[in-house]
């Protein structure tokens, strides 16, 4: 494994975070123990397509700005990726509406430490993205909150573009994208 991974386990009364530098590990918090492996021996393909990961963490090819094939971006949820600039990474989400794809920082404006997509896909109700913690609802095209504690605020947009059936990071604040 080339880049370390941060793992957090939350229980009712305790939270434990560790940075993993190996291909697996174990995290304990309260009575919970989570064991995991990044060895690639399991069936971890969530995309449903035949893309392969390149060494830099992108799907297929050598373009560091390619995020994923358009067909892999869900219309009823989101897909997580990281926009990177040097050693700094920003957790982001992709969402698809027809052939259009939008991306935002994976963070609720009401409480920025709360991700819209905690790792299993964000909630989409009708065509609105929904914060799983606060119930805030966001327009799918511009990220404006239409209902909830941050009404009128907007998600922090990240520029992406669809080219030849693939989604690319085009935001100049970042140099590459990595799927998570």
N, C-alpha and C. Protein backbone atom coordinates (compact mmCIF):
# COMPACT_ATOMS: atom_id res chain seq x y z
N UNK A 1 0.85 -1.16 0.00
CA UNK A 1 0.00 0.00 0.00
C UNK A 1 0.90 1.23 0.00
N UNK A 2 0.67 2.17 -0.94
CA UNK A 2 1.56 3.31 -1.08
C UNK A 2 1.20 4.47 -0.17
N UNK A 3 -0.07 4.78 0.00
CA UNK A 3 -0.50 5.91 0.83
C UNK A 3 -1.14 5.38 2.10
N UNK A 4 -0.90 6.05 3.24
CA UNK A 4 -1.55 5.62 4.47
C UNK A 4 -3.05 5.88 4.40
N UNK A 5 -3.80 5.12 5.19
CA UNK A 5 -5.25 5.25 5.26
C UNK A 5 -5.63 5.54 6.70
N UNK A 6 -6.51 6.53 6.91
CA UNK A 6 -7.03 6.83 8.23
C UNK A 6 -8.30 6.02 8.45
N UNK A 7 -8.37 5.33 9.60
CA UNK A 7 -9.53 4.52 9.94
C UNK A 7 -10.05 4.99 11.29
N UNK A 8 -11.36 5.23 11.37
CA UNK A 8 -11.99 5.66 12.61
C UNK A 8 -13.13 4.71 12.95
N UNK A 9 -13.20 4.29 14.21
CA UNK A 9 -14.29 3.47 14.70
C UNK A 9 -14.98 4.26 15.80
N UNK A 10 -16.30 4.49 15.63
CA UNK A 10 -17.09 5.21 16.63
C UNK A 10 -18.04 4.23 17.29
N UNK A 11 -18.09 4.27 18.63
CA UNK A 11 -19.09 3.52 19.39
C UNK A 11 -19.86 4.54 20.20
N UNK A 12 -20.82 4.09 20.99
CA UNK A 12 -21.64 5.02 21.76
C UNK A 12 -20.82 5.94 22.64
N UNK A 13 -19.79 5.42 23.28
CA UNK A 13 -19.05 6.25 24.22
C UNK A 13 -17.61 6.52 23.85
N UNK A 14 -17.15 6.05 22.69
CA UNK A 14 -15.73 6.15 22.40
C UNK A 14 -15.49 6.24 20.90
N UNK A 15 -14.43 6.93 20.55
CA UNK A 15 -14.01 7.02 19.16
C UNK A 15 -12.51 6.79 19.11
N UNK A 16 -12.06 5.98 18.19
CA UNK A 16 -10.64 5.69 18.05
C UNK A 16 -10.26 5.82 16.58
N UNK A 17 -9.20 6.58 16.31
CA UNK A 17 -8.69 6.76 14.94
C UNK A 17 -7.25 6.30 14.88
N UNK A 18 -6.91 5.64 13.77
CA UNK A 18 -5.53 5.22 13.55
C UNK A 18 -5.17 5.46 12.10
N UNK A 19 -3.91 5.66 11.83
CA UNK A 19 -3.40 5.79 10.47
C UNK A 19 -2.71 4.47 10.14
N UNK A 20 -3.16 3.81 9.06
CA UNK A 20 -2.65 2.51 8.66
C UNK A 20 -1.63 2.69 7.54
N UNK A 21 -0.46 2.13 7.73
CA UNK A 21 0.60 2.20 6.73
C UNK A 21 0.85 0.84 6.08
N UNK A 22 0.16 -0.19 6.57
CA UNK A 22 0.34 -1.54 6.07
C UNK A 22 -0.84 -1.93 5.18
N UNK A 23 -0.91 -3.20 4.80
CA UNK A 23 -1.99 -3.69 3.97
C UNK A 23 -3.18 -4.18 4.78
N UNK A 24 -3.17 -3.94 6.08
CA UNK A 24 -4.29 -4.35 6.90
C UNK A 24 -4.07 -3.88 8.32
N UNK A 25 -5.05 -4.15 9.17
CA UNK A 25 -4.91 -3.74 10.55
C UNK A 25 -6.14 -4.02 11.36
N UNK A 26 -6.16 -3.44 12.54
CA UNK A 26 -7.24 -3.64 13.49
C UNK A 26 -7.41 -2.36 14.29
N UNK A 27 -8.67 -1.96 14.53
CA UNK A 27 -8.97 -0.79 15.33
C UNK A 27 -9.99 -1.20 16.38
N UNK A 28 -9.75 -0.79 17.64
CA UNK A 28 -10.68 -1.09 18.72
C UNK A 28 -11.20 0.20 19.32
N UNK A 29 -12.51 0.24 19.58
CA UNK A 29 -13.13 1.35 20.28
C UNK A 29 -14.23 0.78 21.15
N UNK A 30 -14.13 0.97 22.45
CA UNK A 30 -15.11 0.37 23.36
C UNK A 30 -15.12 -1.13 23.19
N UNK A 31 -16.31 -1.70 22.97
CA UNK A 31 -16.44 -3.15 22.77
C UNK A 31 -16.30 -3.56 21.32
N UNK A 32 -16.11 -2.60 20.41
CA UNK A 32 -16.05 -2.90 18.97
C UNK A 32 -14.61 -3.09 18.51
N UNK A 33 -14.40 -4.10 17.69
CA UNK A 33 -13.11 -4.33 17.04
C UNK A 33 -13.37 -4.48 15.55
N UNK A 34 -12.63 -3.71 14.75
CA UNK A 34 -12.76 -3.79 13.30
C UNK A 34 -11.42 -4.26 12.74
N UNK A 35 -11.45 -5.37 12.01
CA UNK A 35 -10.27 -5.89 11.33
C UNK A 35 -10.47 -5.72 9.84
N UNK A 36 -9.41 -5.37 9.12
CA UNK A 36 -9.54 -5.11 7.69
C UNK A 36 -8.25 -5.43 6.98
N UNK A 37 -8.39 -5.63 5.65
CA UNK A 37 -7.24 -5.94 4.81
C UNK A 37 -7.40 -5.24 3.48
N UNK A 38 -6.30 -4.69 2.96
CA UNK A 38 -6.27 -4.06 1.66
C UNK A 38 -5.49 -4.92 0.68
N UNK A 39 -5.45 -6.21 0.92
CA UNK A 39 -4.62 -7.11 0.12
C UNK A 39 -5.18 -7.38 -1.26
N UNK A 40 -6.43 -7.02 -1.50
CA UNK A 40 -7.03 -7.22 -2.81
C UNK A 40 -7.51 -8.63 -3.04
N UNK A 41 -7.59 -9.44 -1.98
CA UNK A 41 -8.03 -10.82 -2.16
C UNK A 41 -9.54 -10.95 -2.14
N UNK A 42 -10.22 -9.92 -1.63
CA UNK A 42 -11.68 -9.98 -1.60
C UNK A 42 -12.26 -9.35 -2.84
N UNK A 43 -13.59 -9.45 -2.98
CA UNK A 43 -14.28 -8.84 -4.11
C UNK A 43 -14.69 -7.44 -3.71
N UNK A 44 -13.79 -6.47 -3.92
CA UNK A 44 -14.03 -5.10 -3.50
C UNK A 44 -14.45 -4.21 -4.64
N UNK A 45 -14.77 -4.75 -5.80
CA UNK A 45 -15.14 -3.93 -6.96
C UNK A 45 -16.54 -3.40 -6.78
N UNK A 46 -16.66 -2.10 -6.47
CA UNK A 46 -17.96 -1.50 -6.27
C UNK A 46 -18.47 -0.85 -7.53
N UNK A 47 -17.63 -0.71 -8.54
CA UNK A 47 -18.03 0.06 -9.72
C UNK A 47 -18.89 -0.75 -10.68
N UNK A 48 -18.75 -2.06 -10.68
CA UNK A 48 -19.55 -2.87 -11.57
C UNK A 48 -19.02 -2.87 -13.00
N UNK A 49 -17.88 -2.22 -13.26
CA UNK A 49 -17.32 -2.24 -14.60
C UNK A 49 -15.97 -2.95 -14.58
N UNK A 50 -15.32 -3.00 -15.73
CA UNK A 50 -14.07 -3.73 -15.85
C UNK A 50 -12.84 -2.85 -15.74
N UNK A 51 -12.99 -1.60 -15.26
CA UNK A 51 -11.84 -0.72 -15.10
C UNK A 51 -10.87 -1.32 -14.09
N UNK A 52 -9.59 -1.10 -14.29
CA UNK A 52 -8.58 -1.50 -13.34
C UNK A 52 -7.98 -0.27 -12.72
N UNK A 53 -7.49 -0.39 -11.50
CA UNK A 53 -6.86 0.73 -10.84
C UNK A 53 -5.41 0.84 -11.26
N UNK A 54 -4.99 2.07 -11.53
CA UNK A 54 -3.59 2.32 -11.84
C UNK A 54 -2.85 2.51 -10.53
N UNK A 55 -1.52 2.51 -10.54
CA UNK A 55 -0.76 2.65 -9.30
C UNK A 55 -1.05 3.94 -8.55
N UNK A 56 -1.50 5.00 -9.22
CA UNK A 56 -1.75 6.25 -8.51
C UNK A 56 -3.14 6.30 -7.89
N UNK A 57 -3.91 5.22 -7.98
CA UNK A 57 -5.23 5.17 -7.34
C UNK A 57 -6.36 5.52 -8.27
N UNK A 58 -6.10 5.94 -9.49
CA UNK A 58 -7.16 6.25 -10.44
C UNK A 58 -7.66 4.95 -11.04
N UNK A 59 -8.80 5.00 -11.66
CA UNK A 59 -9.31 3.85 -12.39
C UNK A 59 -8.71 3.88 -13.78
N UNK A 60 -8.02 2.81 -14.15
CA UNK A 60 -7.48 2.66 -15.50
C UNK A 60 -6.62 3.80 -15.97
N UNK A 61 -5.89 3.62 -17.05
CA UNK A 61 -5.14 4.69 -17.70
C UNK A 61 -4.12 5.35 -16.80
N UNK A 62 -3.39 6.29 -17.40
CA UNK A 62 -2.34 6.96 -16.66
C UNK A 62 -2.67 8.42 -16.37
N UNK A 63 -3.83 8.93 -16.80
CA UNK A 63 -4.18 10.32 -16.57
C UNK A 63 -4.53 10.52 -15.10
N UNK A 64 -3.74 11.30 -14.37
CA UNK A 64 -4.00 11.47 -12.93
C UNK A 64 -5.28 12.24 -12.63
N UNK A 65 -5.88 12.87 -13.63
CA UNK A 65 -7.12 13.63 -13.41
C UNK A 65 -8.37 12.80 -13.71
N UNK A 66 -8.20 11.61 -14.30
CA UNK A 66 -9.36 10.76 -14.57
C UNK A 66 -9.85 10.17 -13.25
N UNK A 67 -11.15 10.31 -13.02
CA UNK A 67 -11.72 9.80 -11.78
C UNK A 67 -12.34 8.42 -11.99
N UNK A 68 -13.24 8.31 -12.99
CA UNK A 68 -13.98 7.08 -13.17
C UNK A 68 -14.73 7.14 -14.51
N UNK A 69 -15.20 5.98 -14.97
CA UNK A 69 -16.06 5.94 -16.15
C UNK A 69 -17.42 6.55 -15.79
N UNK A 70 -18.00 7.29 -16.73
CA UNK A 70 -19.30 7.93 -16.51
C UNK A 70 -20.34 6.93 -16.04
N UNK A 71 -20.37 5.75 -16.63
CA UNK A 71 -21.36 4.73 -16.27
C UNK A 71 -21.25 4.25 -14.83
N UNK A 72 -20.12 4.52 -14.17
CA UNK A 72 -19.92 4.10 -12.77
C UNK A 72 -20.44 5.10 -11.76
N UNK A 73 -20.82 6.30 -12.21
CA UNK A 73 -21.31 7.33 -11.30
C UNK A 73 -22.81 7.12 -11.10
N UNK A 74 -23.24 6.92 -9.86
CA UNK A 74 -24.66 6.62 -9.62
C UNK A 74 -25.58 7.84 -9.76
N UNK A 75 -26.83 7.56 -10.14
CA UNK A 75 -27.86 8.61 -10.19
C UNK A 75 -28.68 8.62 -8.90
N UNK A 76 -28.65 7.52 -8.16
CA UNK A 76 -29.45 7.40 -6.95
C UNK A 76 -28.62 7.47 -5.68
N UNK A 77 -27.36 7.90 -5.80
CA UNK A 77 -26.46 7.99 -4.66
C UNK A 77 -25.25 8.83 -5.09
N UNK A 78 -24.12 8.60 -4.46
CA UNK A 78 -22.89 9.31 -4.80
C UNK A 78 -21.72 8.35 -4.81
N UNK A 79 -20.62 8.82 -5.34
CA UNK A 79 -19.38 8.06 -5.39
C UNK A 79 -18.30 8.95 -4.78
N UNK A 80 -17.49 8.40 -3.88
CA UNK A 80 -16.45 9.16 -3.18
C UNK A 80 -15.14 9.11 -3.95
N UNK A 81 -14.46 10.25 -4.00
CA UNK A 81 -13.09 10.31 -4.52
C UNK A 81 -12.34 11.37 -3.74
N UNK A 82 -11.04 11.40 -3.90
CA UNK A 82 -10.23 12.41 -3.24
C UNK A 82 -9.55 13.27 -4.29
N UNK A 83 -9.71 14.58 -4.17
CA UNK A 83 -9.01 15.54 -5.02
C UNK A 83 -7.74 15.91 -4.28
N UNK A 84 -6.59 15.75 -4.95
CA UNK A 84 -5.31 15.93 -4.26
C UNK A 84 -4.47 17.03 -4.89
N UNK A 85 -3.76 17.73 -4.04
CA UNK A 85 -2.78 18.72 -4.45
C UNK A 85 -1.55 18.49 -3.58
N UNK A 86 -0.53 17.88 -4.17
CA UNK A 86 0.64 17.52 -3.37
C UNK A 86 0.24 16.51 -2.31
N UNK A 87 0.55 16.81 -1.07
CA UNK A 87 0.24 15.89 0.03
C UNK A 87 -1.14 16.15 0.63
N UNK A 88 -1.82 17.21 0.19
CA UNK A 88 -3.14 17.58 0.72
C UNK A 88 -4.23 16.92 -0.11
N UNK A 89 -5.18 16.32 0.58
CA UNK A 89 -6.31 15.70 -0.10
C UNK A 89 -7.63 16.21 0.44
N UNK A 90 -8.62 16.33 -0.44
CA UNK A 90 -9.95 16.77 -0.05
C UNK A 90 -10.94 15.67 -0.45
N UNK A 91 -11.71 15.19 0.52
CA UNK A 91 -12.70 14.16 0.29
C UNK A 91 -13.86 14.78 -0.49
N UNK A 92 -14.20 14.19 -1.64
CA UNK A 92 -15.23 14.74 -2.52
C UNK A 92 -16.23 13.65 -2.93
N UNK A 93 -17.37 14.09 -3.49
CA UNK A 93 -18.37 13.16 -4.00
C UNK A 93 -18.76 13.54 -5.42
N UNK A 94 -19.12 12.52 -6.21
CA UNK A 94 -19.68 12.70 -7.55
C UNK A 94 -21.12 12.26 -7.53
N UNK A 95 -21.96 12.94 -8.31
CA UNK A 95 -23.36 12.56 -8.48
C UNK A 95 -23.72 12.77 -9.95
N UNK A 96 -24.53 11.89 -10.49
CA UNK A 96 -24.89 11.94 -11.91
C UNK A 96 -26.37 12.23 -12.09
N UNK A 97 -26.64 13.12 -13.05
CA UNK A 97 -28.01 13.40 -13.48
C UNK A 97 -28.01 13.31 -15.00
N UNK A 98 -28.47 12.18 -15.54
CA UNK A 98 -28.38 11.95 -16.99
C UNK A 98 -26.93 11.80 -17.40
N UNK A 99 -26.50 12.60 -18.37
CA UNK A 99 -25.10 12.56 -18.79
C UNK A 99 -24.27 13.63 -18.09
N UNK A 100 -24.89 14.43 -17.22
CA UNK A 100 -24.17 15.46 -16.47
C UNK A 100 -23.68 14.89 -15.14
N UNK A 101 -22.48 15.31 -14.74
CA UNK A 101 -21.91 14.89 -13.46
C UNK A 101 -21.50 16.13 -12.70
N UNK A 102 -21.83 16.15 -11.41
CA UNK A 102 -21.44 17.25 -10.54
C UNK A 102 -20.60 16.68 -9.40
N UNK A 103 -19.74 17.53 -8.83
CA UNK A 103 -18.89 17.11 -7.72
C UNK A 103 -18.87 18.21 -6.66
N UNK A 104 -18.81 17.77 -5.41
CA UNK A 104 -18.72 18.68 -4.28
C UNK A 104 -17.78 18.11 -3.24
N UNK A 105 -17.31 18.99 -2.37
CA UNK A 105 -16.58 18.55 -1.19
C UNK A 105 -17.58 17.71 -0.37
N UNK A 106 -17.13 16.61 0.16
CA UNK A 106 -17.99 15.68 0.91
C UNK A 106 -18.15 16.21 2.34
N UNK A 107 -18.93 17.29 2.46
CA UNK A 107 -19.02 17.99 3.73
C UNK A 107 -20.32 18.79 3.78
N UNK A 108 -21.08 18.66 4.86
CA UNK A 108 -22.31 19.42 5.03
C UNK A 108 -21.95 20.84 5.49
N UNK A 109 -22.52 21.88 4.87
CA UNK A 109 -22.21 23.25 5.29
C UNK A 109 -22.62 23.54 6.74
N UNK A 110 -23.61 22.83 7.25
CA UNK A 110 -24.08 23.04 8.62
C UNK A 110 -23.01 22.63 9.64
N UNK A 111 -22.41 21.47 9.44
CA UNK A 111 -21.31 20.98 10.27
C UNK A 111 -20.30 20.35 9.32
N UNK A 112 -19.26 21.10 8.94
CA UNK A 112 -18.33 20.64 7.91
C UNK A 112 -17.64 19.30 8.20
N UNK A 113 -17.58 18.88 9.45
CA UNK A 113 -16.96 17.59 9.76
C UNK A 113 -17.88 16.41 9.43
N UNK A 114 -19.12 16.67 9.09
CA UNK A 114 -20.09 15.61 8.76
C UNK A 114 -20.09 15.40 7.25
N UNK A 115 -19.70 14.21 6.79
CA UNK A 115 -19.73 13.95 5.34
C UNK A 115 -21.14 13.66 4.86
N UNK A 116 -21.47 14.10 3.65
CA UNK A 116 -22.75 13.72 3.05
C UNK A 116 -22.75 12.24 2.71
N UNK A 117 -21.61 11.75 2.25
CA UNK A 117 -21.45 10.33 1.93
C UNK A 117 -20.47 9.75 2.94
N UNK A 118 -20.99 9.02 3.95
CA UNK A 118 -20.11 8.46 4.97
C UNK A 118 -19.34 7.22 4.50
N UNK A 119 -19.48 6.86 3.23
CA UNK A 119 -18.73 5.72 2.71
C UNK A 119 -19.59 4.68 2.03
N UNK A 120 -20.88 4.79 2.17
CA UNK A 120 -21.78 3.82 1.55
C UNK A 120 -22.73 4.49 0.57
N UNK A 121 -22.43 5.73 0.19
CA UNK A 121 -23.28 6.48 -0.72
C UNK A 121 -24.14 7.45 0.04
N UNK A 122 -24.31 8.65 -0.51
CA UNK A 122 -25.17 9.65 0.12
C UNK A 122 -26.63 9.30 -0.15
N UNK A 123 -27.50 9.81 0.70
CA UNK A 123 -28.94 9.63 0.52
C UNK A 123 -29.40 10.58 -0.58
N UNK A 124 -30.18 10.06 -1.52
CA UNK A 124 -30.82 10.89 -2.54
C UNK A 124 -32.32 10.62 -2.43
N UNK A 125 -33.07 11.68 -2.16
CA UNK A 125 -34.53 11.58 -2.02
C UNK A 125 -35.14 12.43 -3.12
N UNK A 126 -35.87 11.80 -4.03
CA UNK A 126 -36.33 12.51 -5.22
C UNK A 126 -35.10 12.83 -6.04
N UNK A 127 -34.81 14.09 -6.25
CA UNK A 127 -33.56 14.45 -6.93
C UNK A 127 -32.62 15.21 -6.00
N UNK A 128 -32.96 15.29 -4.71
CA UNK A 128 -32.18 16.07 -3.75
C UNK A 128 -31.20 15.17 -2.98
N UNK A 129 -29.97 15.68 -2.79
CA UNK A 129 -29.02 15.03 -1.88
C UNK A 129 -29.44 15.38 -0.47
N UNK A 130 -29.33 14.43 0.46
CA UNK A 130 -29.80 14.63 1.83
C UNK A 130 -28.67 14.31 2.81
N UNK A 131 -28.44 15.23 3.76
CA UNK A 131 -27.46 14.99 4.82
C UNK A 131 -28.03 13.92 5.74
N UNK A 132 -27.30 12.83 5.93
CA UNK A 132 -27.78 11.72 6.76
C UNK A 132 -27.90 12.10 8.23
N UNK A 133 -27.20 13.13 8.68
CA UNK A 133 -27.25 13.51 10.09
C UNK A 133 -28.29 14.58 10.39
N UNK A 134 -28.39 15.59 9.53
CA UNK A 134 -29.26 16.73 9.82
C UNK A 134 -30.53 16.77 8.96
N UNK A 135 -30.57 15.99 7.88
CA UNK A 135 -31.72 16.01 6.99
C UNK A 135 -31.73 17.18 6.01
N UNK A 136 -30.65 17.97 5.99
CA UNK A 136 -30.59 19.08 5.04
C UNK A 136 -30.68 18.53 3.63
N UNK A 137 -31.38 19.27 2.74
CA UNK A 137 -31.57 18.82 1.36
C UNK A 137 -30.89 19.80 0.41
N UNK A 138 -30.21 19.25 -0.60
CA UNK A 138 -29.42 20.06 -1.52
C UNK A 138 -29.82 19.81 -2.96
N UNK A 139 -29.93 20.89 -3.74
CA UNK A 139 -30.22 20.80 -5.17
C UNK A 139 -29.10 20.03 -5.86
N UNK A 140 -29.44 19.14 -6.79
CA UNK A 140 -28.42 18.33 -7.45
C UNK A 140 -27.58 19.11 -8.47
N UNK A 141 -28.05 20.24 -8.94
CA UNK A 141 -27.31 20.96 -9.98
C UNK A 141 -26.34 21.99 -9.43
N UNK A 142 -26.77 22.74 -8.39
CA UNK A 142 -25.91 23.80 -7.87
C UNK A 142 -25.52 23.63 -6.40
N UNK A 143 -26.03 22.59 -5.73
CA UNK A 143 -25.65 22.30 -4.35
C UNK A 143 -26.25 23.22 -3.31
N UNK A 144 -27.23 24.04 -3.68
CA UNK A 144 -27.86 24.96 -2.72
C UNK A 144 -28.78 24.17 -1.80
N UNK A 145 -28.69 24.48 -0.51
CA UNK A 145 -29.54 23.83 0.49
C UNK A 145 -30.94 24.45 0.43
N UNK A 146 -31.94 23.61 0.18
CA UNK A 146 -33.32 24.08 0.05
C UNK A 146 -34.14 23.86 1.31
N UNK A 147 -33.62 23.03 2.22
CA UNK A 147 -34.36 22.72 3.44
C UNK A 147 -33.38 22.21 4.48
N UNK A 148 -33.54 22.68 5.72
CA UNK A 148 -32.70 22.19 6.81
C UNK A 148 -31.95 23.32 7.50
N UNK A 149 -31.06 22.95 8.41
CA UNK A 149 -30.37 23.95 9.24
C UNK A 149 -29.42 24.86 8.48
N UNK A 150 -29.07 24.52 7.25
CA UNK A 150 -28.16 25.37 6.47
C UNK A 150 -28.86 25.91 5.22
N UNK A 151 -30.19 26.07 5.28
CA UNK A 151 -30.96 26.56 4.13
C UNK A 151 -30.35 27.85 3.58
N UNK A 152 -30.17 27.87 2.27
CA UNK A 152 -29.57 29.02 1.60
C UNK A 152 -28.07 28.89 1.39
N UNK A 153 -27.39 28.09 2.22
CA UNK A 153 -25.97 27.82 2.01
C UNK A 153 -25.82 26.85 0.85
N UNK A 154 -24.60 26.66 0.38
CA UNK A 154 -24.37 25.74 -0.73
C UNK A 154 -23.18 24.85 -0.45
N UNK A 155 -23.20 23.69 -1.06
CA UNK A 155 -22.06 22.79 -1.00
C UNK A 155 -20.89 23.43 -1.74
N UNK A 156 -19.67 23.10 -1.31
CA UNK A 156 -18.46 23.60 -1.95
C UNK A 156 -18.21 22.80 -3.22
N UNK A 157 -18.40 23.43 -4.37
CA UNK A 157 -18.27 22.75 -5.65
C UNK A 157 -16.84 22.42 -6.02
N UNK A 158 -16.68 21.33 -6.76
CA UNK A 158 -15.40 20.89 -7.31
C UNK A 158 -15.64 20.69 -8.80
N UNK A 159 -14.82 21.30 -9.63
CA UNK A 159 -15.04 21.24 -11.08
C UNK A 159 -14.62 19.90 -11.66
N UNK A 160 -15.55 19.29 -12.41
CA UNK A 160 -15.29 18.06 -13.13
C UNK A 160 -15.89 18.20 -14.53
N UNK A 161 -15.47 17.33 -15.44
CA UNK A 161 -16.02 17.34 -16.80
C UNK A 161 -16.10 15.90 -17.31
N UNK A 162 -17.07 15.67 -18.18
CA UNK A 162 -17.21 14.37 -18.83
C UNK A 162 -16.60 14.48 -20.22
N UNK A 163 -15.67 13.58 -20.51
CA UNK A 163 -15.01 13.54 -21.82
C UNK A 163 -14.88 12.09 -22.26
N UNK A 164 -15.38 11.79 -23.44
CA UNK A 164 -15.26 10.44 -24.02
C UNK A 164 -15.69 9.34 -23.06
N UNK A 165 -16.78 9.57 -22.33
CA UNK A 165 -17.34 8.55 -21.45
C UNK A 165 -16.65 8.41 -20.11
N UNK A 166 -15.73 9.33 -19.78
CA UNK A 166 -15.04 9.29 -18.49
C UNK A 166 -15.22 10.63 -17.78
N UNK A 167 -15.09 10.61 -16.45
CA UNK A 167 -15.20 11.82 -15.64
C UNK A 167 -13.79 12.22 -15.22
N UNK A 168 -13.48 13.52 -15.44
CA UNK A 168 -12.16 14.05 -15.12
C UNK A 168 -12.27 15.20 -14.13
N UNK A 169 -11.29 15.30 -13.25
CA UNK A 169 -11.15 16.43 -12.35
C UNK A 169 -10.57 17.59 -13.16
N UNK A 170 -11.29 18.71 -13.25
CA UNK A 170 -10.81 19.87 -14.01
C UNK A 170 -10.55 21.07 -13.11
N UNK A 171 -10.81 20.93 -11.82
CA UNK A 171 -10.62 22.01 -10.85
C UNK A 171 -9.13 22.30 -10.71
N UNK A 172 -8.73 23.53 -11.00
CA UNK A 172 -7.32 23.92 -10.99
C UNK A 172 -6.70 23.94 -9.60
N UNK A 173 -7.51 23.85 -8.55
CA UNK A 173 -6.96 23.80 -7.18
C UNK A 173 -6.27 22.48 -6.90
N UNK A 174 -6.52 21.48 -7.76
CA UNK A 174 -6.01 20.14 -7.51
C UNK A 174 -5.24 19.62 -8.72
N UNK A 175 -4.30 18.71 -8.45
CA UNK A 175 -3.48 18.15 -9.54
C UNK A 175 -3.88 16.75 -9.95
N UNK A 176 -4.58 16.03 -9.07
CA UNK A 176 -4.96 14.67 -9.42
C UNK A 176 -6.16 14.21 -8.59
N UNK A 177 -6.76 13.11 -9.04
CA UNK A 177 -7.90 12.53 -8.33
C UNK A 177 -7.57 11.08 -8.00
N UNK A 178 -8.06 10.62 -6.86
CA UNK A 178 -7.89 9.23 -6.45
C UNK A 178 -9.23 8.71 -5.95
N UNK A 179 -9.62 7.54 -6.43
CA UNK A 179 -10.84 6.89 -5.94
C UNK A 179 -10.58 6.33 -4.56
N UNK A 180 -11.57 6.39 -3.69
CA UNK A 180 -11.48 5.85 -2.34
C UNK A 180 -12.49 4.77 -2.15
